[in-house]
Amino acid sequence: GDRIVVQPRFTGALLIDDGTFTGSELDYSTLRLDLDDGRALHYADVRRLGTVALMDADRFEEYTGKLGIEPLDRAFTAEHLSTVLGATSQPVKKVLMEQRKIAGIGNIYANEALWRARIDPSRPGAAVTFEQAKLLRDSIVAVLGEAIEARGTSFRDYRDARGKRGTFVEKLEAYGRGGLPCRRCGSKLVATHAIDGRATTLCVKCQH
């Protein structure tokens, strides 16, 4: 019943080594677990900001009990998201990244989902209508699904379990594109840290 819980934060990654790694992929490995099939599972972390914890069943239940619903769970419906947003006046982007409310949406994917849903990241959660929440829910699920298929988003250090770069960076519409034209309307995208202290990119013409 014991569980290993990994919080990779900015640069942590789980790598599966079947003997094919030949370069520097494992230079930042801080933990190695030998698997029954002969492979090794490494936790690598360039900046060493992540954590790894071994939890018994009781501690794991307590830990997960403090987390919100995961966006790819069937229970993550438009109704659920609308209820979560409607209960707060905090900026919608900040709500999306609050793990106790919704677990698993990082900064990159919050930016992308809000751009797709045409919602201003600074809009108070309670000001998001049900129809907007429905579109946002669908945008979140779509963005995460596409990112998983692309093996994640690699700007600098991130690698997937095979040590390969994630290619979702090629599909980004908002994040990291501040000053560039919006691919939907052509207006210049705005980059700011004012909403939640994190990098936020938005189109002031498209997103309301």
N, C-alpha and C. Protein backbone atom coordinates (compact mmCIF):
# COMPACT_ATOMS: atom_id res chain seq x y z
N GLY A 1 0.78 -1.22 0.00
CA GLY A 1 0.00 0.00 0.00
C GLY A 1 0.82 1.27 0.00
N ASP A 2 2.13 1.18 0.10
CA ASP A 2 2.97 2.37 0.08
C ASP A 2 2.97 2.99 -1.31
N ARG A 3 3.10 4.31 -1.36
CA ARG A 3 3.13 5.04 -2.63
C ARG A 3 4.34 5.96 -2.66
N ILE A 4 4.92 6.11 -3.84
CA ILE A 4 5.97 7.11 -4.06
C ILE A 4 5.32 8.31 -4.72
N VAL A 5 5.42 9.46 -4.08
CA VAL A 5 4.80 10.68 -4.59
C VAL A 5 5.89 11.64 -5.04
N VAL A 6 5.83 12.04 -6.31
CA VAL A 6 6.83 12.93 -6.89
C VAL A 6 6.18 14.27 -7.22
N GLN A 7 6.79 15.34 -6.75
CA GLN A 7 6.39 16.69 -7.13
C GLN A 7 7.57 17.30 -7.89
N PRO A 8 7.56 17.23 -9.22
CA PRO A 8 8.73 17.63 -10.00
C PRO A 8 8.98 19.13 -10.07
N ARG A 9 7.95 19.93 -9.80
CA ARG A 9 8.06 21.38 -9.90
C ARG A 9 8.65 21.79 -11.25
N PHE A 10 9.66 22.65 -11.28
CA PHE A 10 10.04 23.25 -12.56
C PHE A 10 10.87 22.36 -13.47
N THR A 11 11.80 21.61 -12.93
CA THR A 11 12.73 20.89 -13.81
C THR A 11 12.83 19.40 -13.51
N GLY A 12 12.02 18.89 -12.60
CA GLY A 12 12.10 17.47 -12.27
C GLY A 12 11.52 16.60 -13.38
N ALA A 13 12.04 15.39 -13.50
CA ALA A 13 11.54 14.46 -14.53
C ALA A 13 11.79 13.02 -14.09
N LEU A 14 10.87 12.15 -14.46
CA LEU A 14 11.05 10.71 -14.26
C LEU A 14 11.54 10.11 -15.57
N LEU A 15 12.66 9.41 -15.50
CA LEU A 15 13.28 8.84 -16.70
C LEU A 15 13.37 7.33 -16.55
N ILE A 16 12.96 6.61 -17.59
CA ILE A 16 13.05 5.15 -17.58
C ILE A 16 14.26 4.74 -18.41
N ASP A 17 15.23 4.14 -17.75
CA ASP A 17 16.48 3.75 -18.41
C ASP A 17 16.47 2.25 -18.67
N ASP A 18 16.43 1.91 -19.95
CA ASP A 18 16.51 0.48 -20.32
C ASP A 18 17.87 0.15 -20.91
N GLY A 19 18.85 0.99 -20.58
CA GLY A 19 20.21 0.77 -21.05
C GLY A 19 20.53 1.51 -22.32
N THR A 20 19.61 2.33 -22.83
CA THR A 20 19.84 3.01 -24.10
C THR A 20 20.34 4.44 -23.93
N PHE A 21 20.29 4.98 -22.70
CA PHE A 21 20.81 6.33 -22.49
C PHE A 21 22.32 6.31 -22.67
N THR A 22 22.83 7.18 -23.53
CA THR A 22 24.27 7.16 -23.82
C THR A 22 24.95 8.49 -23.55
N GLY A 23 24.16 9.55 -23.37
CA GLY A 23 24.75 10.87 -23.20
C GLY A 23 24.65 11.36 -21.77
N SER A 24 24.21 12.60 -21.64
CA SER A 24 24.15 13.25 -20.34
C SER A 24 22.77 13.20 -19.71
N GLU A 25 21.90 12.32 -20.22
CA GLU A 25 20.51 12.29 -19.75
C GLU A 25 20.40 12.08 -18.25
N LEU A 26 21.34 11.33 -17.67
CA LEU A 26 21.24 10.98 -16.26
C LEU A 26 22.18 11.79 -15.36
N ASP A 27 22.74 12.87 -15.90
CA ASP A 27 23.68 13.68 -15.13
C ASP A 27 23.05 14.24 -13.85
N TYR A 28 21.77 14.53 -13.90
CA TYR A 28 21.11 15.15 -12.76
C TYR A 28 20.20 14.18 -12.01
N SER A 29 20.46 12.90 -12.16
CA SER A 29 19.68 11.90 -11.43
C SER A 29 20.00 11.98 -9.95
N THR A 30 18.96 12.13 -9.13
CA THR A 30 19.15 12.20 -7.68
C THR A 30 18.58 10.98 -6.97
N LEU A 31 17.85 10.14 -7.71
CA LEU A 31 17.27 8.93 -7.14
C LEU A 31 17.14 7.87 -8.22
N ARG A 32 17.54 6.64 -7.91
CA ARG A 32 17.42 5.52 -8.85
C ARG A 32 16.67 4.39 -8.18
N LEU A 33 15.64 3.89 -8.87
CA LEU A 33 14.87 2.74 -8.41
C LEU A 33 15.03 1.62 -9.42
N ASP A 34 15.52 0.46 -8.98
CA ASP A 34 15.67 -0.68 -9.88
C ASP A 34 14.35 -1.42 -9.98
N LEU A 35 13.86 -1.58 -11.20
CA LEU A 35 12.58 -2.23 -11.45
C LEU A 35 12.75 -3.73 -11.64
N ASP A 36 11.66 -4.45 -11.43
CA ASP A 36 11.71 -5.92 -11.52
C ASP A 36 12.07 -6.41 -12.91
N ASP A 37 11.78 -5.62 -13.95
CA ASP A 37 12.05 -6.08 -15.31
C ASP A 37 13.45 -5.73 -15.80
N GLY A 38 14.29 -5.25 -14.89
CA GLY A 38 15.68 -4.96 -15.25
C GLY A 38 15.95 -3.51 -15.61
N ARG A 39 14.91 -2.76 -15.84
CA ARG A 39 15.10 -1.34 -16.13
C ARG A 39 15.29 -0.56 -14.83
N ALA A 40 15.63 0.72 -14.96
CA ALA A 40 15.79 1.58 -13.80
C ALA A 40 14.95 2.84 -13.99
N LEU A 41 14.32 3.27 -12.92
CA LEU A 41 13.54 4.51 -12.94
C LEU A 41 14.33 5.56 -12.18
N HIS A 42 14.65 6.66 -12.86
CA HIS A 42 15.43 7.74 -12.26
C HIS A 42 14.55 8.96 -12.03
N TYR A 43 14.81 9.65 -10.93
CA TYR A 43 14.26 11.00 -10.77
C TYR A 43 15.41 11.95 -10.98
N ALA A 44 15.31 12.76 -12.03
CA ALA A 44 16.36 13.73 -12.35
C ALA A 44 15.82 15.14 -12.19
N ASP A 45 16.65 16.04 -11.67
CA ASP A 45 16.18 17.39 -11.40
C ASP A 45 17.34 18.37 -11.49
N VAL A 46 17.36 19.16 -12.56
CA VAL A 46 18.47 20.08 -12.79
C VAL A 46 18.59 21.09 -11.66
N ARG A 47 17.46 21.70 -11.26
CA ARG A 47 17.50 22.76 -10.25
C ARG A 47 17.23 22.24 -8.84
N ARG A 48 16.91 20.98 -8.72
CA ARG A 48 16.68 20.32 -7.42
C ARG A 48 15.63 21.04 -6.57
N LEU A 49 14.55 21.38 -7.20
CA LEU A 49 13.46 22.04 -6.50
C LEU A 49 12.31 21.08 -6.18
N GLY A 50 12.31 19.93 -6.84
CA GLY A 50 11.24 18.96 -6.64
C GLY A 50 11.44 18.13 -5.38
N THR A 51 10.43 17.33 -5.06
CA THR A 51 10.51 16.46 -3.90
C THR A 51 10.01 15.06 -4.25
N VAL A 52 10.51 14.07 -3.53
CA VAL A 52 10.06 12.69 -3.64
C VAL A 52 9.76 12.20 -2.23
N ALA A 53 8.58 11.63 -2.04
CA ALA A 53 8.19 11.16 -0.71
C ALA A 53 7.63 9.76 -0.78
N LEU A 54 7.97 8.94 0.21
CA LEU A 54 7.39 7.60 0.35
C LEU A 54 6.29 7.69 1.40
N MET A 55 5.07 7.36 1.00
CA MET A 55 3.92 7.50 1.90
C MET A 55 3.21 6.17 2.11
N ASP A 56 2.83 5.92 3.36
CA ASP A 56 2.00 4.75 3.61
C ASP A 56 0.57 5.08 3.20
N ALA A 57 -0.33 4.11 3.29
CA ALA A 57 -1.68 4.29 2.79
C ALA A 57 -2.41 5.44 3.48
N ASP A 58 -2.25 5.56 4.79
CA ASP A 58 -2.95 6.62 5.53
C ASP A 58 -2.45 8.00 5.13
N ARG A 59 -1.13 8.14 5.03
CA ARG A 59 -0.57 9.44 4.66
C ARG A 59 -0.94 9.80 3.22
N PHE A 60 -0.96 8.80 2.34
CA PHE A 60 -1.32 9.06 0.95
C PHE A 60 -2.77 9.51 0.83
N GLU A 61 -3.64 8.89 1.61
CA GLU A 61 -5.05 9.27 1.59
C GLU A 61 -5.22 10.71 2.09
N GLU A 62 -4.47 11.06 3.13
CA GLU A 62 -4.54 12.42 3.65
C GLU A 62 -4.01 13.42 2.62
N TYR A 63 -2.93 13.04 1.95
CA TYR A 63 -2.32 13.90 0.94
C TYR A 63 -3.27 14.15 -0.24
N THR A 64 -3.82 13.08 -0.80
CA THR A 64 -4.70 13.23 -1.96
C THR A 64 -6.02 13.89 -1.58
N GLY A 65 -6.41 13.75 -0.31
CA GLY A 65 -7.66 14.35 0.13
C GLY A 65 -7.62 15.87 0.10
N LYS A 66 -6.43 16.43 0.05
CA LYS A 66 -6.28 17.88 0.03
C LYS A 66 -6.21 18.44 -1.39
N LEU A 67 -6.21 17.54 -2.38
CA LEU A 67 -6.11 17.97 -3.77
C LEU A 67 -7.47 18.07 -4.41
N GLY A 68 -7.59 18.97 -5.37
CA GLY A 68 -8.83 19.10 -6.12
C GLY A 68 -8.95 18.00 -7.15
N ILE A 69 -10.00 18.05 -7.92
CA ILE A 69 -10.25 17.06 -8.95
C ILE A 69 -9.28 17.24 -10.11
N GLU A 70 -8.91 16.15 -10.76
CA GLU A 70 -8.01 16.24 -11.91
C GLU A 70 -8.82 16.57 -13.17
N PRO A 71 -8.27 17.40 -14.05
CA PRO A 71 -9.01 17.85 -15.23
C PRO A 71 -9.39 16.74 -16.20
N LEU A 72 -8.67 15.62 -16.19
CA LEU A 72 -9.00 14.53 -17.11
C LEU A 72 -9.90 13.49 -16.46
N ASP A 73 -10.33 13.76 -15.24
CA ASP A 73 -11.31 12.91 -14.56
C ASP A 73 -12.69 13.19 -15.15
N ARG A 74 -13.51 12.15 -15.28
CA ARG A 74 -14.85 12.34 -15.84
C ARG A 74 -15.70 13.28 -15.01
N ALA A 75 -15.38 13.38 -13.73
CA ALA A 75 -16.15 14.26 -12.85
C ALA A 75 -15.81 15.74 -13.05
N PHE A 76 -14.78 16.01 -13.84
CA PHE A 76 -14.43 17.40 -14.13
C PHE A 76 -15.34 17.90 -15.24
N THR A 77 -16.51 18.31 -14.87
CA THR A 77 -17.54 18.75 -15.81
C THR A 77 -17.61 20.27 -15.84
N ALA A 78 -18.37 20.79 -16.78
CA ALA A 78 -18.59 22.23 -16.84
C ALA A 78 -19.29 22.71 -15.58
N GLU A 79 -20.20 21.90 -15.07
CA GLU A 79 -20.91 22.25 -13.84
C GLU A 79 -19.94 22.35 -12.67
N HIS A 80 -19.02 21.39 -12.58
CA HIS A 80 -18.05 21.41 -11.48
C HIS A 80 -17.15 22.64 -11.58
N LEU A 81 -16.62 22.90 -12.78
CA LEU A 81 -15.72 24.04 -12.95
C LEU A 81 -16.46 25.35 -12.67
N SER A 82 -17.69 25.45 -13.13
CA SER A 82 -18.47 26.66 -12.90
C SER A 82 -18.70 26.90 -11.41
N THR A 83 -18.93 25.83 -10.67
CA THR A 83 -19.12 25.95 -9.22
C THR A 83 -17.84 26.41 -8.54
N VAL A 84 -16.70 25.84 -8.94
CA VAL A 84 -15.40 26.23 -8.36
C VAL A 84 -15.11 27.70 -8.63
N LEU A 85 -15.31 28.13 -9.87
CA LEU A 85 -15.03 29.52 -10.24
C LEU A 85 -16.01 30.47 -9.57
N GLY A 86 -17.26 30.06 -9.49
CA GLY A 86 -18.29 30.94 -8.95
C GLY A 86 -18.15 31.23 -7.47
N ALA A 87 -17.31 30.46 -6.79
CA ALA A 87 -17.17 30.62 -5.34
C ALA A 87 -16.05 31.58 -4.96
N THR A 88 -15.41 32.23 -5.94
CA THR A 88 -14.28 33.08 -5.61
C THR A 88 -14.21 34.30 -6.52
N SER A 89 -13.61 35.36 -6.00
CA SER A 89 -13.38 36.56 -6.80
C SER A 89 -11.94 36.64 -7.27
N GLN A 90 -11.16 35.60 -7.00
CA GLN A 90 -9.77 35.57 -7.46
C GLN A 90 -9.72 35.46 -8.98
N PRO A 91 -8.62 35.90 -9.60
CA PRO A 91 -8.48 35.78 -11.05
C PRO A 91 -8.63 34.33 -11.50
N VAL A 92 -9.30 34.14 -12.62
CA VAL A 92 -9.60 32.78 -13.07
C VAL A 92 -8.32 31.98 -13.29
N LYS A 93 -7.26 32.60 -13.77
CA LYS A 93 -6.01 31.86 -14.00
C LYS A 93 -5.44 31.34 -12.68
N LYS A 94 -5.51 32.17 -11.64
CA LYS A 94 -5.01 31.74 -10.34
C LYS A 94 -5.83 30.57 -9.80
N VAL A 95 -7.12 30.59 -10.03
CA VAL A 95 -7.99 29.49 -9.58
C VAL A 95 -7.63 28.20 -10.29
N LEU A 96 -7.38 28.28 -11.59
CA LEU A 96 -7.04 27.08 -12.36
C LEU A 96 -5.77 26.41 -11.85
N MET A 97 -4.85 27.20 -11.31
CA MET A 97 -3.56 26.67 -10.87
C MET A 97 -3.53 26.36 -9.37
N GLU A 98 -4.64 26.56 -8.68
CA GLU A 98 -4.72 26.24 -7.25
C GLU A 98 -4.98 24.75 -7.10
N GLN A 99 -3.96 24.00 -6.68
CA GLN A 99 -4.03 22.55 -6.66
C GLN A 99 -5.11 22.00 -5.72
N ARG A 100 -5.48 22.77 -4.72
CA ARG A 100 -6.52 22.32 -3.81
C ARG A 100 -7.91 22.43 -4.44
N LYS A 101 -7.99 23.17 -5.53
CA LYS A 101 -9.25 23.30 -6.25
C LYS A 101 -9.28 22.41 -7.49
N ILE A 102 -8.22 22.48 -8.29
CA ILE A 102 -8.08 21.66 -9.49
C ILE A 102 -6.64 21.18 -9.55
N ALA A 103 -6.42 19.89 -9.60
CA ALA A 103 -5.05 19.36 -9.52
C ALA A 103 -4.49 19.08 -10.91
N GLY A 104 -3.36 19.71 -11.22
CA GLY A 104 -2.65 19.30 -12.42
C GLY A 104 -2.56 20.29 -13.56
N ILE A 105 -3.08 21.50 -13.40
CA ILE A 105 -2.96 22.49 -14.46
C ILE A 105 -1.80 23.42 -14.14
N GLY A 106 -0.77 23.38 -14.96
CA GLY A 106 0.39 24.24 -14.76
C GLY A 106 0.23 25.55 -15.51
N ASN A 107 1.22 26.41 -15.37
CA ASN A 107 1.15 27.75 -15.92
C ASN A 107 1.01 27.77 -17.44
N ILE A 108 1.79 26.94 -18.11
CA ILE A 108 1.73 26.92 -19.57
C ILE A 108 0.33 26.57 -20.05
N TYR A 109 -0.25 25.52 -19.46
CA TYR A 109 -1.54 25.03 -19.95
C TYR A 109 -2.70 25.91 -19.51
N ALA A 110 -2.55 26.62 -18.40
CA ALA A 110 -3.56 27.60 -18.01
C ALA A 110 -3.61 28.73 -19.02
N ASN A 111 -2.43 29.22 -19.43
CA ASN A 111 -2.36 30.26 -20.45
C ASN A 111 -3.04 29.81 -21.74
N GLU A 112 -2.71 28.61 -22.18
CA GLU A 112 -3.23 28.11 -23.45
C GLU A 112 -4.74 27.90 -23.42
N ALA A 113 -5.24 27.32 -22.33
CA ALA A 113 -6.68 27.05 -22.23
C ALA A 113 -7.48 28.35 -22.19
N LEU A 114 -6.98 29.34 -21.46
CA LEU A 114 -7.68 30.62 -21.37
C LEU A 114 -7.68 31.35 -22.71
N TRP A 115 -6.59 31.23 -23.45
CA TRP A 115 -6.55 31.83 -24.79
C TRP A 115 -7.57 31.17 -25.70
N ARG A 116 -7.63 29.87 -25.66
CA ARG A 116 -8.59 29.15 -26.51
C ARG A 116 -10.03 29.49 -26.14
N ALA A 117 -10.26 29.65 -24.85
CA ALA A 117 -11.63 29.94 -24.38
C ALA A 117 -11.96 31.43 -24.47
N ARG A 118 -11.01 32.26 -24.89
CA ARG A 118 -11.21 33.70 -25.04
C ARG A 118 -11.55 34.39 -23.71
N ILE A 119 -10.96 33.91 -22.63
CA ILE A 119 -11.23 34.47 -21.31
C ILE A 119 -9.99 35.20 -20.80
N ASP A 120 -10.19 36.43 -20.34
CA ASP A 120 -9.11 37.22 -19.74
C ASP A 120 -8.65 36.51 -18.47
N PRO A 121 -7.36 36.19 -18.35
CA PRO A 121 -6.86 35.49 -17.15
C PRO A 121 -7.12 36.24 -15.86
N SER A 122 -7.28 37.57 -15.92
CA SER A 122 -7.49 38.36 -14.72
C SER A 122 -8.97 38.48 -14.34
N ARG A 123 -9.87 37.95 -15.15
CA ARG A 123 -11.29 38.03 -14.84
C ARG A 123 -11.59 37.28 -13.54
N PRO A 124 -12.36 37.87 -12.63
CA PRO A 124 -12.72 37.18 -11.38
C PRO A 124 -13.47 35.88 -11.69
N GLY A 125 -13.17 34.84 -10.93
CA GLY A 125 -13.82 33.57 -11.17
C GLY A 125 -15.33 33.67 -11.18
N ALA A 126 -15.88 34.45 -10.25
CA ALA A 126 -17.33 34.57 -10.13
C ALA A 126 -17.95 35.28 -11.33
N ALA A 127 -17.13 35.97 -12.14
CA ALA A 127 -17.64 36.68 -13.31
C ALA A 127 -17.64 35.83 -14.57
N VAL A 128 -17.20 34.59 -14.45
CA VAL A 128 -17.19 33.66 -15.59
C VAL A 128 -18.57 33.02 -15.70
N THR A 129 -19.22 33.18 -16.82
CA THR A 129 -20.55 32.62 -16.99
C THR A 129 -20.47 31.11 -17.17
N PHE A 130 -21.62 30.44 -17.07
CA PHE A 130 -21.62 28.99 -17.24
C PHE A 130 -21.17 28.61 -18.64
N GLU A 131 -21.62 29.33 -19.65
CA GLU A 131 -21.21 29.01 -21.03
C GLU A 131 -19.72 29.18 -21.20
N GLN A 132 -19.14 30.20 -20.56
CA GLN A 132 -17.70 30.39 -20.63
C GLN A 132 -16.97 29.28 -19.88
N ALA A 133 -17.53 28.86 -18.75
CA ALA A 133 -16.93 27.77 -17.98
C ALA A 133 -16.95 26.48 -18.79
N LYS A 134 -18.01 26.27 -19.54
CA LYS A 134 -18.12 25.07 -20.38
C LYS A 134 -17.04 25.08 -21.46
N LEU A 135 -16.87 26.24 -22.11
CA LEU A 135 -15.85 26.35 -23.13
C LEU A 135 -14.46 26.21 -22.53
N LEU A 136 -14.25 26.78 -21.34
CA LEU A 136 -12.96 26.68 -20.67
C LEU A 136 -12.66 25.24 -20.28
N ARG A 137 -13.67 24.53 -19.76
CA ARG A 137 -13.48 23.13 -19.39
C ARG A 137 -13.03 22.32 -20.61
N ASP A 138 -13.71 22.52 -21.75
CA ASP A 138 -13.36 21.80 -22.97
C ASP A 138 -11.97 22.18 -23.46
N SER A 139 -11.61 23.44 -23.29
CA SER A 139 -10.29 23.90 -23.72
C SER A 139 -9.19 23.29 -22.86
N ILE A 140 -9.43 23.21 -21.56
CA ILE A 140 -8.45 22.60 -20.65
C ILE A 140 -8.21 21.15 -21.02
N VAL A 141 -9.28 20.39 -21.21
CA VAL A 141 -9.16 18.97 -21.54
C VAL A 141 -8.45 18.79 -22.88
N ALA A 142 -8.78 19.63 -23.87
CA ALA A 142 -8.16 19.53 -25.18
C ALA A 142 -6.67 19.85 -25.12
N VAL A 143 -6.32 20.92 -24.42
CA VAL A 143 -4.91 21.32 -24.31
C VAL A 143 -4.09 20.23 -23.63
N LEU A 144 -4.60 19.70 -22.52
CA LEU A 144 -3.86 18.66 -21.81
C LEU A 144 -3.73 17.39 -22.65
N GLY A 145 -4.79 17.03 -23.35
CA GLY A 145 -4.74 15.84 -24.21
C GLY A 145 -3.71 15.99 -25.31
N GLU A 146 -3.69 17.15 -25.94
CA GLU A 146 -2.73 17.39 -27.01
C GLU A 146 -1.30 17.43 -26.47
N ALA A 147 -1.13 18.02 -25.28
CA ALA A 147 0.21 18.10 -24.69
C ALA A 147 0.73 16.71 -24.32
N ILE A 148 -0.15 15.86 -23.81
CA ILE A 148 0.26 14.49 -23.48
C ILE A 148 0.68 13.75 -24.74
N GLU A 149 -0.11 13.91 -25.80
CA GLU A 149 0.21 13.25 -27.07
C GLU A 149 1.55 13.73 -27.61
N ALA A 150 1.87 15.01 -27.35
CA ALA A 150 3.13 15.58 -27.83
C ALA A 150 4.28 15.36 -26.85
N ARG A 151 4.03 14.62 -25.76
CA ARG A 151 5.03 14.29 -24.75
C ARG A 151 5.48 15.52 -23.97
N GLY A 152 4.60 16.50 -23.81
CA GLY A 152 4.91 17.65 -22.98
C GLY A 152 5.48 18.83 -23.74
N THR A 153 5.92 19.82 -22.98
CA THR A 153 6.42 21.08 -23.55
C THR A 153 7.84 21.32 -23.10
N SER A 154 8.79 21.29 -24.01
CA SER A 154 10.19 21.48 -23.66
C SER A 154 10.66 22.85 -24.13
N PHE A 155 10.94 23.73 -23.16
CA PHE A 155 11.59 25.00 -23.47
C PHE A 155 13.08 24.86 -23.24
N ARG A 156 13.43 24.34 -22.04
CA ARG A 156 14.84 24.22 -21.68
C ARG A 156 15.16 22.80 -21.20
N ASP A 157 14.77 22.50 -19.96
CA ASP A 157 15.25 21.27 -19.33
C ASP A 157 14.30 20.08 -19.43
N TYR A 158 13.01 20.32 -19.64
CA TYR A 158 12.05 19.21 -19.55
C TYR A 158 12.31 18.13 -20.59
N ARG A 159 12.23 16.88 -20.13
CA ARG A 159 12.31 15.72 -21.02
C ARG A 159 11.24 14.72 -20.60
N ASP A 160 10.79 13.90 -21.55
CA ASP A 160 9.80 12.88 -21.20
C ASP A 160 10.51 11.68 -20.59
N ALA A 161 9.76 10.61 -20.32
CA ALA A 161 10.33 9.45 -19.63
C ALA A 161 11.44 8.76 -20.42
N ARG A 162 11.49 9.00 -21.73
CA ARG A 162 12.54 8.41 -22.57
C ARG A 162 13.70 9.36 -22.79
N GLY A 163 13.63 10.53 -22.14
CA GLY A 163 14.70 11.51 -22.29
C GLY A 163 14.56 12.38 -23.52
N LYS A 164 13.41 12.32 -24.20
CA LYS A 164 13.19 13.10 -25.41
C LYS A 164 12.49 14.41 -25.09
N ARG A 165 12.70 15.39 -25.93
CA ARG A 165 12.05 16.68 -25.77
C ARG A 165 10.57 16.58 -26.14
N GLY A 166 9.72 17.26 -25.36
CA GLY A 166 8.31 17.34 -25.69
C GLY A 166 8.10 18.36 -26.80
N THR A 167 7.17 18.09 -27.72
CA THR A 167 7.03 18.94 -28.90
C THR A 167 5.81 19.87 -28.85
N PHE A 168 5.10 19.92 -27.70
CA PHE A 168 3.92 20.78 -27.65
C PHE A 168 4.31 22.25 -27.75
N VAL A 169 5.57 22.57 -27.52
CA VAL A 169 6.03 23.95 -27.64
C VAL A 169 5.74 24.48 -29.04
N GLU A 170 5.69 23.61 -30.03
CA GLU A 170 5.42 24.03 -31.40
C GLU A 170 3.97 24.42 -31.62
N LYS A 171 3.09 24.07 -30.68
CA LYS A 171 1.66 24.36 -30.82
C LYS A 171 1.18 25.48 -29.91
N LEU A 172 2.09 26.08 -29.15
CA LEU A 172 1.69 27.13 -28.22
C LEU A 172 1.13 28.34 -28.96
N GLU A 173 -0.01 28.80 -28.50
CA GLU A 173 -0.66 29.97 -29.10
C GLU A 173 -0.47 31.23 -28.25
N ALA A 174 -0.26 31.06 -26.96
CA ALA A 174 -0.15 32.21 -26.06
C ALA A 174 1.16 32.21 -25.27
N TYR A 175 1.38 31.20 -24.45
CA TYR A 175 2.51 31.19 -23.53
C TYR A 175 3.83 31.41 -24.28
N GLY A 176 4.63 32.37 -23.76
CA GLY A 176 5.94 32.63 -24.34
C GLY A 176 5.92 33.44 -25.62
N ARG A 177 4.73 33.92 -26.03
CA ARG A 177 4.62 34.65 -27.30
C ARG A 177 4.32 36.13 -27.09
N GLY A 178 4.62 36.67 -25.92
CA GLY A 178 4.39 38.08 -25.66
C GLY A 178 5.08 38.97 -26.68
N GLY A 179 4.34 39.94 -27.23
CA GLY A 179 4.89 40.84 -28.24
C GLY A 179 4.68 40.37 -29.65
N LEU A 180 4.30 39.11 -29.82
CA LEU A 180 4.05 38.55 -31.15
C LEU A 180 2.57 38.67 -31.49
N PRO A 181 2.21 38.58 -32.76
CA PRO A 181 0.80 38.72 -33.13
C PRO A 181 -0.04 37.53 -32.70
N CYS A 182 -1.25 37.83 -32.24
CA CYS A 182 -2.21 36.77 -31.91
C CYS A 182 -2.55 36.02 -33.18
N ARG A 183 -2.52 34.72 -33.13
CA ARG A 183 -2.78 33.91 -34.32
C ARG A 183 -4.26 33.85 -34.67
N ARG A 184 -5.08 34.48 -33.82
CA ARG A 184 -6.51 34.49 -34.09
C ARG A 184 -6.95 35.83 -34.68
N CYS A 185 -6.44 36.94 -34.14
CA CYS A 185 -6.91 38.25 -34.61
C CYS A 185 -5.79 39.16 -35.11
N GLY A 186 -4.54 38.81 -34.85
CA GLY A 186 -3.42 39.61 -35.33
C GLY A 186 -2.94 40.68 -34.38
N SER A 187 -3.67 40.93 -33.29
CA SER A 187 -3.24 41.93 -32.31
C SER A 187 -1.99 41.45 -31.58
N LYS A 188 -1.22 42.40 -31.06
CA LYS A 188 0.00 42.04 -30.34
C LYS A 188 -0.35 41.44 -28.98
N LEU A 189 0.19 40.27 -28.69
CA LEU A 189 -0.03 39.61 -27.40
C LEU A 189 0.71 40.36 -26.29
N VAL A 190 0.09 40.42 -25.12
CA VAL A 190 0.67 41.12 -23.97
C VAL A 190 1.19 40.11 -22.96
N ALA A 191 2.39 40.33 -22.45
CA ALA A 191 2.98 39.48 -21.41
C ALA A 191 3.03 40.27 -20.11
N THR A 192 2.62 39.64 -19.01
CA THR A 192 2.60 40.32 -17.73
C THR A 192 2.83 39.33 -16.59
N HIS A 193 3.28 39.84 -15.45
CA HIS A 193 3.41 39.05 -14.23
C HIS A 193 2.45 39.57 -13.16
N ALA A 194 1.56 40.49 -13.55
CA ALA A 194 0.72 41.18 -12.58
C ALA A 194 -0.44 40.36 -12.04
N ILE A 195 -0.84 39.32 -12.75
CA ILE A 195 -2.05 38.60 -12.36
C ILE A 195 -1.82 37.69 -11.15
N ASP A 196 -0.81 36.84 -11.23
CA ASP A 196 -0.56 35.92 -10.13
C ASP A 196 0.93 35.73 -9.86
N GLY A 197 1.74 36.65 -10.36
CA GLY A 197 3.18 36.54 -10.15
C GLY A 197 3.86 35.61 -11.12
N ARG A 198 3.08 34.93 -11.95
CA ARG A 198 3.63 34.01 -12.95
C ARG A 198 3.54 34.66 -14.32
N ALA A 199 4.30 34.15 -15.27
CA ALA A 199 4.26 34.68 -16.63
C ALA A 199 2.89 34.40 -17.26
N THR A 200 2.21 35.45 -17.66
CA THR A 200 0.91 35.33 -18.29
C THR A 200 0.94 36.04 -19.62
N THR A 201 0.47 35.38 -20.67
CA THR A 201 0.38 35.99 -21.99
C THR A 201 -1.05 35.94 -22.45
N LEU A 202 -1.55 37.08 -22.96
CA LEU A 202 -2.95 37.13 -23.38
C LEU A 202 -3.13 38.10 -24.52
N CYS A 203 -4.27 37.97 -25.19
CA CYS A 203 -4.66 38.89 -26.24
C CYS A 203 -5.77 39.78 -25.66
N VAL A 204 -5.49 41.06 -25.50
CA VAL A 204 -6.48 41.96 -24.88
C VAL A 204 -7.67 42.19 -25.79
N LYS A 205 -7.54 41.87 -27.07
CA LYS A 205 -8.66 42.04 -27.99
C LYS A 205 -9.57 40.82 -27.98
N CYS A 206 -8.98 39.63 -27.95
CA CYS A 206 -9.76 38.38 -28.02
C CYS A 206 -10.30 37.94 -26.67
N GLN A 207 -9.54 38.16 -25.63
CA GLN A 207 -9.87 37.60 -24.32
C GLN A 207 -10.54 38.64 -23.43
N HIS A 208 -11.72 38.30 -22.93
CA HIS A 208 -12.51 39.24 -22.15
C HIS A 208 -12.93 38.65 -20.81
